[in-house]
PDB file of N, CA and C in Angstrom:
ATOM      1  N   MET A   1      -3.143  62.578 -50.822  1.00  0.00           N
ATOM      2  CA  MET A   1      -4.079  62.028 -51.122  1.00  0.00           C
ATOM      3  C   MET A   1      -5.330  61.612 -50.704  1.00  0.00           C
ATOM      4  N   ASN A   2      -6.273  61.520 -50.717  1.00  0.00           N
ATOM      5  CA  ASN A   2      -8.305  61.296 -50.040  1.00  0.00           C
ATOM      6  C   ASN A   2      -8.652  60.046 -50.268  1.00  0.00           C
ATOM      7  N   LYS A   3      -8.949  59.130 -49.404  1.00  0.00           N
ATOM      8  CA  LYS A   3      -9.969  57.613 -50.020  1.00  0.00           C
ATOM      9  C   LYS A   3     -11.040  58.280 -49.118  1.00  0.00           C
ATOM     10  N   PHE A   4     -12.325  57.920 -49.589  1.00  0.00           N
ATOM     11  CA  PHE A   4     -12.908  57.541 -48.846  1.00  0.00           C
ATOM     12  C   PHE A   4     -13.842  56.409 -49.699  1.00  0.00           C
ATOM     13  N   LEU A   5     -15.580  55.812 -49.528  1.00  0.00           N
ATOM     14  CA  LEU A   5     -15.951  55.605 -50.468  1.00  0.00           C
ATOM     15  C   LEU A   5     -16.988  56.058 -50.162  1.00  0.00           C
ATOM     16  N   ILE A   6     -17.695  55.878 -51.643  1.00  0.00           N
ATOM     17  CA  ILE A   6     -19.222  56.133 -51.873  1.00  0.00           C
ATOM     18  C   ILE A   6     -20.106  55.042 -52.273  1.00  0.00           C
ATOM     19  N   SER A   7     -21.372  55.668 -52.599  1.00  0.00           N
ATOM     20  CA  SER A   7     -22.656  54.840 -52.651  1.00  0.00           C
ATOM     21  C   SER A   7     -23.135  55.430 -54.029  1.00  0.00           C
ATOM     22  N   LEU A   8     -23.546  55.200 -55.069  1.00  0.00           N
ATOM     23  CA  LEU A   8     -24.474  55.497 -56.386  1.00  0.00           C
ATOM     24  C   LEU A   8     -25.391  54.674 -56.942  1.00  0.00           C
ATOM     25  N   ALA A   9     -26.360  54.623 -56.150  1.00  0.00           N
ATOM     26  CA  ALA A   9     -27.835  54.137 -56.324  1.00  0.00           C
ATOM     27  C   ALA A   9     -28.387  54.195 -57.478  1.00  0.00           C
ATOM     28  N   THR A  10     -28.596  55.481 -58.227  1.00  0.00           N
ATOM     29  CA  THR A  10     -29.376  55.419 -58.995  1.00  0.00           C
ATOM     30  C   THR A  10     -29.102  56.668 -60.836  1.00  0.00           C
ATOM     31  N   ILE A  11     -29.686  56.179 -61.578  1.00  0.00           N
ATOM     32  CA  ILE A  11     -28.762  57.353 -62.541  1.00  0.00           C
ATOM     33  C   ILE A  11     -28.455  58.414 -62.141  1.00  0.00           C
ATOM     34  N   ASN A  12     -29.440  59.537 -61.685  1.00  0.00           N
ATOM     35  CA  ASN A  12     -29.425  60.803 -60.805  1.00  0.00           C
ATOM     36  C   ASN A  12     -28.361  60.781 -59.843  1.00  0.00           C
ATOM     37  N   ASP A  13     -28.322  60.085 -59.440  1.00  0.00           N
ATOM     38  CA  ASP A  13     -27.177  60.088 -58.831  1.00  0.00           C
ATOM     39  C   ASP A  13     -25.552  59.946 -59.235  1.00  0.00           C
ATOM     40  N   VAL A  14     -25.439  59.688 -59.762  1.00  0.00           N
ATOM     41  CA  VAL A  14     -24.413  58.992 -61.088  1.00  0.00           C
ATOM     42  C   VAL A  14     -24.393  60.488 -62.237  1.00  0.00           C
ATOM     43  N   LYS A  15     -24.852  61.153 -62.436  1.00  0.00           N
ATOM     44  CA  LYS A  15     -25.256  61.924 -62.750  1.00  0.00           C
ATOM     45  C   LYS A  15     -24.491  63.426 -62.402  1.00  0.00           C
ATOM     46  N   GLU A  16     -25.227  63.463 -61.332  1.00  0.00           N
ATOM     47  CA  GLU A  16     -25.133  64.916 -60.289  1.00  0.00           C
ATOM     48  C   GLU A  16     -23.935  64.760 -59.788  1.00  0.00           C
ATOM     49  N   PHE A  17     -23.289  63.378 -59.032  1.00  0.00           N
ATOM     50  CA  PHE A  17     -22.088  63.400 -59.133  1.00  0.00           C
ATOM     51  C   PHE A  17     -20.816  63.406 -60.200  1.00  0.00           C
ATOM     52  N   VAL A  18     -21.191  62.980 -60.942  1.00  0.00           N
ATOM     53  CA  VAL A  18     -20.313  63.701 -62.370  1.00  0.00           C
ATOM     54  C   VAL A  18     -19.967  65.116 -62.459  1.00  0.00           C
ATOM     55  N   ASN A  19     -21.470  65.938 -62.291  1.00  0.00           N
ATOM     56  CA  ASN A  19     -21.357  67.839 -62.047  1.00  0.00           C
ATOM     57  C   ASN A  19     -20.661  68.239 -61.630  1.00  0.00           C
ATOM     58  N   ILE A  20     -20.849  67.839 -60.268  1.00  0.00           N
ATOM     59  CA  ILE A  20     -19.716  68.290 -59.054  1.00  0.00           C
ATOM     60  C   ILE A  20     -18.376  68.082 -59.177  1.00  0.00           C
ATOM     61  N   ILE A  21     -17.922  66.859 -59.684  1.00  0.00           N
ATOM     62  CA  ILE A  21     -17.006  65.912 -60.120  1.00  0.00           C
ATOM     63  C   ILE A  21     -15.991  66.792 -60.835  1.00  0.00           C
ATOM     64  N   SER A  22     -16.718  67.341 -61.836  1.00  0.00           N
ATOM     65  CA  SER A  22     -16.120  67.792 -63.338  1.00  0.00           C
ATOM     66  C   SER A  22     -15.982  69.102 -63.176  1.00  0.00           C
ATOM     67  N   LEU A  23     -16.041  69.780 -61.401  1.00  0.00           N
ATOM     68  CA  LEU A  23     -16.378  71.561 -61.563  1.00  0.00           C
ATOM     69  C   LEU A  23     -14.415  71.233 -60.343  1.00  0.00           C
ATOM     70  N   CYS A  24     -14.301  70.662 -60.262  1.00  0.00           N
ATOM     71  CA  CYS A  24     -12.511  69.697 -59.913  1.00  0.00           C
ATOM     72  C   CYS A  24     -11.863  70.567 -60.188  1.00  0.00           C
ATOM     73  N   ASP A  25     -10.975  70.629 -60.433  1.00  0.00           N
ATOM     74  CA  ASP A  25      -9.356  71.041 -60.838  1.00  0.00           C
ATOM     75  C   ASP A  25      -8.232  70.342 -60.725  1.00  0.00           C
ATOM     76  N   PHE A  26      -8.252  69.325 -60.109  1.00  0.00           N
ATOM     77  CA  PHE A  26      -7.535  67.901 -59.976  1.00  0.00           C
ATOM     78  C   PHE A  26      -8.016  66.439 -60.056  1.00  0.00           C
ATOM     79  N   ASP A  27      -7.174  65.987 -60.442  1.00  0.00           N
ATOM     80  CA  ASP A  27      -8.135  64.295 -60.989  1.00  0.00           C
ATOM     81  C   ASP A  27      -8.536  63.852 -59.406  1.00  0.00           C
ATOM     82  N   VAL A  28      -9.195  63.157 -59.728  1.00  0.00           N
ATOM     83  CA  VAL A  28      -9.902  62.115 -58.846  1.00  0.00           C
ATOM     84  C   VAL A  28     -10.656  61.070 -59.949  1.00  0.00           C
ATOM     85  N   ASP A  29     -10.461  59.990 -59.359  1.00  0.00           N
ATOM     86  CA  ASP A  29     -10.216  58.611 -59.252  1.00  0.00           C
ATOM     87  C   ASP A  29     -11.431  57.798 -58.845  1.00  0.00           C
ATOM     88  N   LEU A  30     -12.133  56.623 -59.719  1.00  0.00           N
ATOM     89  CA  LEU A  30     -13.132  55.640 -58.815  1.00  0.00           C
ATOM     90  C   LEU A  30     -12.650  54.585 -58.954  1.00  0.00           C
ATOM     91  N   VAL A  31     -12.462  53.742 -57.631  1.00  0.00           N
ATOM     92  CA  VAL A  31     -11.498  52.338 -57.576  1.00  0.00           C
ATOM     93  C   VAL A  31     -12.522  51.181 -57.036  1.00  0.00           C
ATOM     94  N   SER A  32     -12.957  50.679 -58.244  1.00  0.00           N
ATOM     95  CA  SER A  32     -13.686  49.291 -58.132  1.00  0.00           C
ATOM     96  C   SER A  32     -12.818  47.720 -58.605  1.00  0.00           C
ATOM     97  N   GLY A  33     -12.632  46.799 -56.820  1.00  0.00           N
ATOM     98  CA  GLY A  33     -11.788  46.113 -57.453  1.00  0.00           C
ATOM     99  C   GLY A  33     -10.583  46.008 -57.844  1.00  0.00           C
ATOM    100  N   ARG A  34     -10.290  45.990 -59.054  1.00  0.00           N
ATOM    101  CA  ARG A  34      -8.971  46.325 -59.952  1.00  0.00           C
ATOM    102  C   ARG A  34      -8.460  47.340 -60.528  1.00  0.00           C
ATOM    103  N   TYR A  35     -10.251  47.627 -61.354  1.00  0.00           N
ATOM    104  CA  TYR A  35     -10.033  49.035 -61.854  1.00  0.00           C
ATOM    105  C   TYR A  35     -10.443  50.142 -61.536  1.00  0.00           C
ATOM    106  N   SER A  36      -9.668  51.322 -62.259  1.00  0.00           N
ATOM    107  CA  SER A  36      -9.729  52.334 -61.646  1.00  0.00           C
ATOM    108  C   SER A  36     -10.759  53.608 -63.039  1.00  0.00           C
ATOM    109  N   ILE A  37     -11.116  54.114 -62.880  1.00  0.00           N
ATOM    110  CA  ILE A  37     -11.747  54.889 -63.346  1.00  0.00           C
ATOM    111  C   ILE A  37     -11.785  56.108 -63.243  1.00  0.00           C
ATOM    112  N   ASP A  38     -11.716  57.336 -64.221  1.00  0.00           N
ATOM    113  CA  ASP A  38     -11.833  58.502 -64.277  1.00  0.00           C
ATOM    114  C   ASP A  38     -13.248  58.864 -63.487  1.00  0.00           C
ATOM    115  N   ALA A  39     -13.156  59.580 -62.150  1.00  0.00           N
ATOM    116  CA  ALA A  39     -14.687  60.166 -61.965  1.00  0.00           C
ATOM    117  C   ALA A  39     -15.310  60.869 -62.723  1.00  0.00           C
ATOM    118  N   LYS A  40     -14.469  61.943 -63.485  1.00  0.00           N
ATOM    119  CA  LYS A  40     -15.110  62.883 -64.272  1.00  0.00           C
ATOM    120  C   LYS A  40     -15.773  62.256 -65.061  1.00  0.00           C
ATOM    121  N   SER A  41     -15.528  61.175 -66.014  1.00  0.00           N
ATOM    122  CA  SER A  41     -15.917  60.129 -67.245  1.00  0.00           C
ATOM    123  C   SER A  41     -17.466  59.245 -66.193  1.00  0.00           C
ATOM    124  N   ILE A  42     -18.470  59.648 -67.001  1.00  0.00           N
ATOM    125  CA  ILE A  42     -19.836  58.988 -67.125  1.00  0.00           C
ATOM    126  C   ILE A  42     -20.436  57.785 -67.906  1.00  0.00           C
ATOM    127  N   MET A  43     -18.999  57.531 -68.658  1.00  0.00           N
ATOM    128  CA  MET A  43     -19.617  56.179 -69.365  1.00  0.00           C
ATOM    129  C   MET A  43     -18.410  55.763 -68.764  1.00  0.00           C
ATOM    130  N   GLY A  44     -17.339  56.196 -68.021  1.00  0.00           N
ATOM    131  CA  GLY A  44     -16.433  54.760 -66.970  1.00  0.00           C
ATOM    132  C   GLY A  44     -17.200  54.757 -65.735  1.00  0.00           C
ATOM    133  N   ILE A  45     -18.125  55.025 -65.321  1.00  0.00           N
ATOM    134  CA  ILE A  45     -18.781  55.483 -63.514  1.00  0.00           C
ATOM    135  C   ILE A  45     -19.671  54.311 -64.219  1.00  0.00           C
ATOM    136  N   PHE A  46     -20.611  54.246 -65.579  1.00  0.00           N
ATOM    137  CA  PHE A  46     -21.305  53.388 -65.665  1.00  0.00           C
ATOM    138  C   PHE A  46     -20.525  51.662 -66.106  1.00  0.00           C
ATOM    139  N   SER A  47     -19.629  51.787 -65.891  1.00  0.00           N
ATOM    140  CA  SER A  47     -18.534  50.706 -66.408  1.00  0.00           C
ATOM    141  C   SER A  47     -18.330  49.401 -65.484  1.00  0.00           C
ATOM    142  N   LEU A  48     -18.956  50.446 -64.178  1.00  0.00           N
ATOM    143  CA  LEU A  48     -18.144  50.125 -62.995  1.00  0.00           C
ATOM    144  C   LEU A  48     -19.235  49.304 -62.413  1.00  0.00           C
ATOM    145  N   ASP A  49     -19.173  48.388 -61.326  1.00  0.00           N
ATOM    146  CA  ASP A  49     -19.749  47.511 -60.529  1.00  0.00           C
ATOM    147  C   ASP A  49     -20.420  48.453 -59.165  1.00  0.00           C
ATOM    148  N   LEU A  50     -21.830  49.673 -59.180  1.00  0.00           N
ATOM    149  CA  LEU A  50     -22.715  50.330 -58.657  1.00  0.00           C
ATOM    150  C   LEU A  50     -23.247  49.427 -57.839  1.00  0.00           C
ATOM    151  N   SER A  51     -23.726  48.273 -57.633  1.00  0.00           N
ATOM    152  CA  SER A  51     -24.961  48.073 -57.040  1.00  0.00           C
ATOM    153  C   SER A  51     -24.049  47.859 -55.363  1.00  0.00           C
ATOM    154  N   ARG A  52     -22.378  47.982 -55.121  1.00  0.00           N
ATOM    155  CA  ARG A  52     -22.189  47.888 -54.225  1.00  0.00           C
ATOM    156  C   ARG A  52     -20.998  49.856 -54.009  1.00  0.00           C
ATOM    157  N   PRO A  53     -20.651  49.685 -52.960  1.00  0.00           N
ATOM    158  CA  PRO A  53     -20.093  51.163 -52.862  1.00  0.00           C
ATOM    159  C   PRO A  53     -18.718  51.233 -53.011  1.00  0.00           C
ATOM    160  N   VAL A  54     -18.232  52.001 -54.161  1.00  0.00           N
ATOM    161  CA  VAL A  54     -16.854  52.058 -54.538  1.00  0.00           C
ATOM    162  C   VAL A  54     -16.174  53.245 -54.045  1.00  0.00           C
ATOM    163  N   GLU A  55     -14.934  53.117 -54.044  1.00  0.00           N
ATOM    164  CA  GLU A  55     -13.487  54.102 -53.818  1.00  0.00           C
ATOM    165  C   GLU A  55     -13.164  55.103 -54.270  1.00  0.00           C
ATOM    166  N   LEU A  56     -13.198  56.547 -53.607  1.00  0.00           N
ATOM    167  CA  LEU A  56     -13.015  57.661 -54.531  1.00  0.00           C
ATOM    168  C   LEU A  56     -11.269  57.803 -53.542  1.00  0.00           C
ATOM    169  N   VAL A  57     -10.869  58.376 -55.011  1.00  0.00           N
ATOM    170  CA  VAL A  57      -9.360  58.669 -54.618  1.00  0.00           C
ATOM    171  C   VAL A  57      -9.501  60.249 -54.852  1.00  0.00           C
ATOM    172  N   ALA A  58      -9.001  61.123 -54.476  1.00  0.00           N
ATOM    173  CA  ALA A  58      -8.986  62.418 -54.743  1.00  0.00           C
ATOM    174  C   ALA A  58      -7.674  62.997 -54.139  1.00  0.00           C
ATOM    175  N   HIS A  59      -7.329  63.219 -55.455  1.00  0.00           N
ATOM    176  CA  HIS A  59      -5.605  63.708 -55.736  1.00  0.00           C
ATOM    177  C   HIS A  59      -5.175  64.962 -55.186  1.00  0.00           C
ATOM    178  N   ILE A  60      -5.448  65.124 -54.330  1.00  0.00           N
ATOM    179  CA  ILE A  60      -5.355  67.125 -53.563  1.00  0.00           C
ATOM    180  C   ILE A  60      -4.981  66.570 -52.161  1.00  0.00           C
ATOM    181  N   ASP A  61      -3.974  66.961 -51.801  1.00  0.00           N
ATOM    182  CA  ASP A  61      -3.895  66.901 -49.715  1.00  0.00           C
ATOM    183  C   ASP A  61      -5.760  67.198 -49.497  1.00  0.00           C
ATOM    184  N   ASN A  62      -5.946  68.961 -49.168  1.00  0.00           N
ATOM    185  CA  ASN A  62      -7.002  69.080 -48.703  1.00  0.00           C
ATOM    186  C   ASN A  62      -8.396  68.992 -49.751  1.00  0.00           C
ATOM    187  N   CYS A  63      -9.427  67.992 -48.959  1.00  0.00           N
ATOM    188  CA  CYS A  63     -10.809  68.175 -49.801  1.00  0.00           C
ATOM    189  C   CYS A  63     -11.608  68.604 -49.061  1.00  0.00           C
ATOM    190  N   ASP A  64     -11.166  68.948 -48.358  1.00  0.00           N
ATOM    191  CA  ASP A  64     -12.924  69.772 -47.158  1.00  0.00           C
ATOM    192  C   ASP A  64     -13.782  69.914 -47.992  1.00  0.00           C
ATOM    193  N   ASP A  65     -13.801  70.422 -48.880  1.00  0.00           N
ATOM    194  CA  ASP A  65     -14.922  71.520 -49.917  1.00  0.00           C
ATOM    195  C   ASP A  65     -16.143  70.120 -50.249  1.00  0.00           C
ATOM    196  N   LEU A  66     -15.169  69.109 -51.063  1.00  0.00           N
ATOM    197  CA  LEU A  66     -15.330  68.571 -51.730  1.00  0.00           C
ATOM    198  C   LEU A  66     -16.486  66.950 -50.950  1.00  0.00           C
ATOM    199  N   ILE A  67     -15.708  67.373 -50.203  1.00  0.00           N
ATOM    200  CA  ILE A  67     -16.258  65.988 -48.961  1.00  0.00           C
ATOM    201  C   ILE A  67     -17.566  66.829 -48.571  1.00  0.00           C
ATOM    202  N   LYS A  68     -17.630  68.005 -48.300  1.00  0.00           N
ATOM    203  CA  LYS A  68     -18.908  68.811 -48.105  1.00  0.00           C
ATOM    204  C   LYS A  68     -20.100  68.553 -49.091  1.00  0.00           C
ATOM    205  N   LYS A  69     -19.500  69.205 -50.527  1.00  0.00           N
ATOM    206  CA  LYS A  69     -20.807  68.713 -51.779  1.00  0.00           C
ATOM    207  C   LYS A  69     -20.727  67.313 -52.056  1.00  0.00           C
ATOM    208  N   LEU A  70     -19.648  66.258 -51.876  1.00  0.00           N
ATOM    209  CA  LEU A  70     -20.446  64.772 -51.747  1.00  0.00           C
ATOM    210  C   LEU A  70     -20.545  64.656 -50.833  1.00  0.00           C
ATOM    211  N   ASP A  71     -21.088  64.600 -49.945  1.00  0.00           N
ATOM    212  CA  ASP A  71     -21.840  64.770 -48.368  1.00  0.00           C
ATOM    213  C   ASP A  71     -22.606  63.447 -48.712  1.00  0.00           C
ATOM    214  N   ARG A  72     -23.550  63.472 -49.104  1.00  0.00           N
ATOM    215  CA  ARG A  72     -24.656  63.142 -49.701  1.00  0.00           C
ATOM    216  C   ARG A  72     -25.027  61.303 -50.527  1.00  0.00           C
ATOM    217  N   PHE A  73     -23.811  61.387 -50.494  1.00  0.00           N
ATOM    218  CA  PHE A  73     -22.518  60.103 -51.855  1.00  0.00           C
ATOM    219  C   PHE A  73     -21.943  58.933 -50.932  1.00  0.00           C
ATOM    220  N   ILE A  74     -21.217  59.543 -49.516  1.00  0.00           N
ATOM    221  CA  ILE A  74     -19.801  58.876 -48.848  1.00  0.00           C
ATOM    222  C   ILE A  74     -21.006  58.250 -47.797  1.00  0.00           C
ATOM    223  N   VAL A  75     -20.286  57.311 -47.735  1.00  0.00           N
ATOM    224  CA  VAL A  75     -20.585  55.670 -46.757  1.00  0.00           C
ATOM    225  C   VAL A  75     -19.983  56.015 -45.631  1.00  0.00           C
ATOM    226  N   LYS A  76     -21.179  56.161 -44.594  1.00  0.00           N
ATOM    227  CA  LYS A  76     -20.186  56.578 -43.128  1.00  0.00           C
ATOM    228  C   LYS A  76     -20.559  55.172 -42.459  1.00  0.00           C
TER     229      LYS A  76
END
């Protein structure tokens, strides 16, 4: 399992993020406070507070490819 913070500032960011995550064959969750939602659910993402970074939890040991695809969303 890998965890890192991401920022989704605009509606287009959310759409692009979901398009990338939908191609993953493993579970990916977004965690904001006590809420955890499926990162492949665009409706679920819009239910979160996106005014601050959210934690992405990828349920896979090696997610280097995913990190490369999501680089522009990762908070550094």
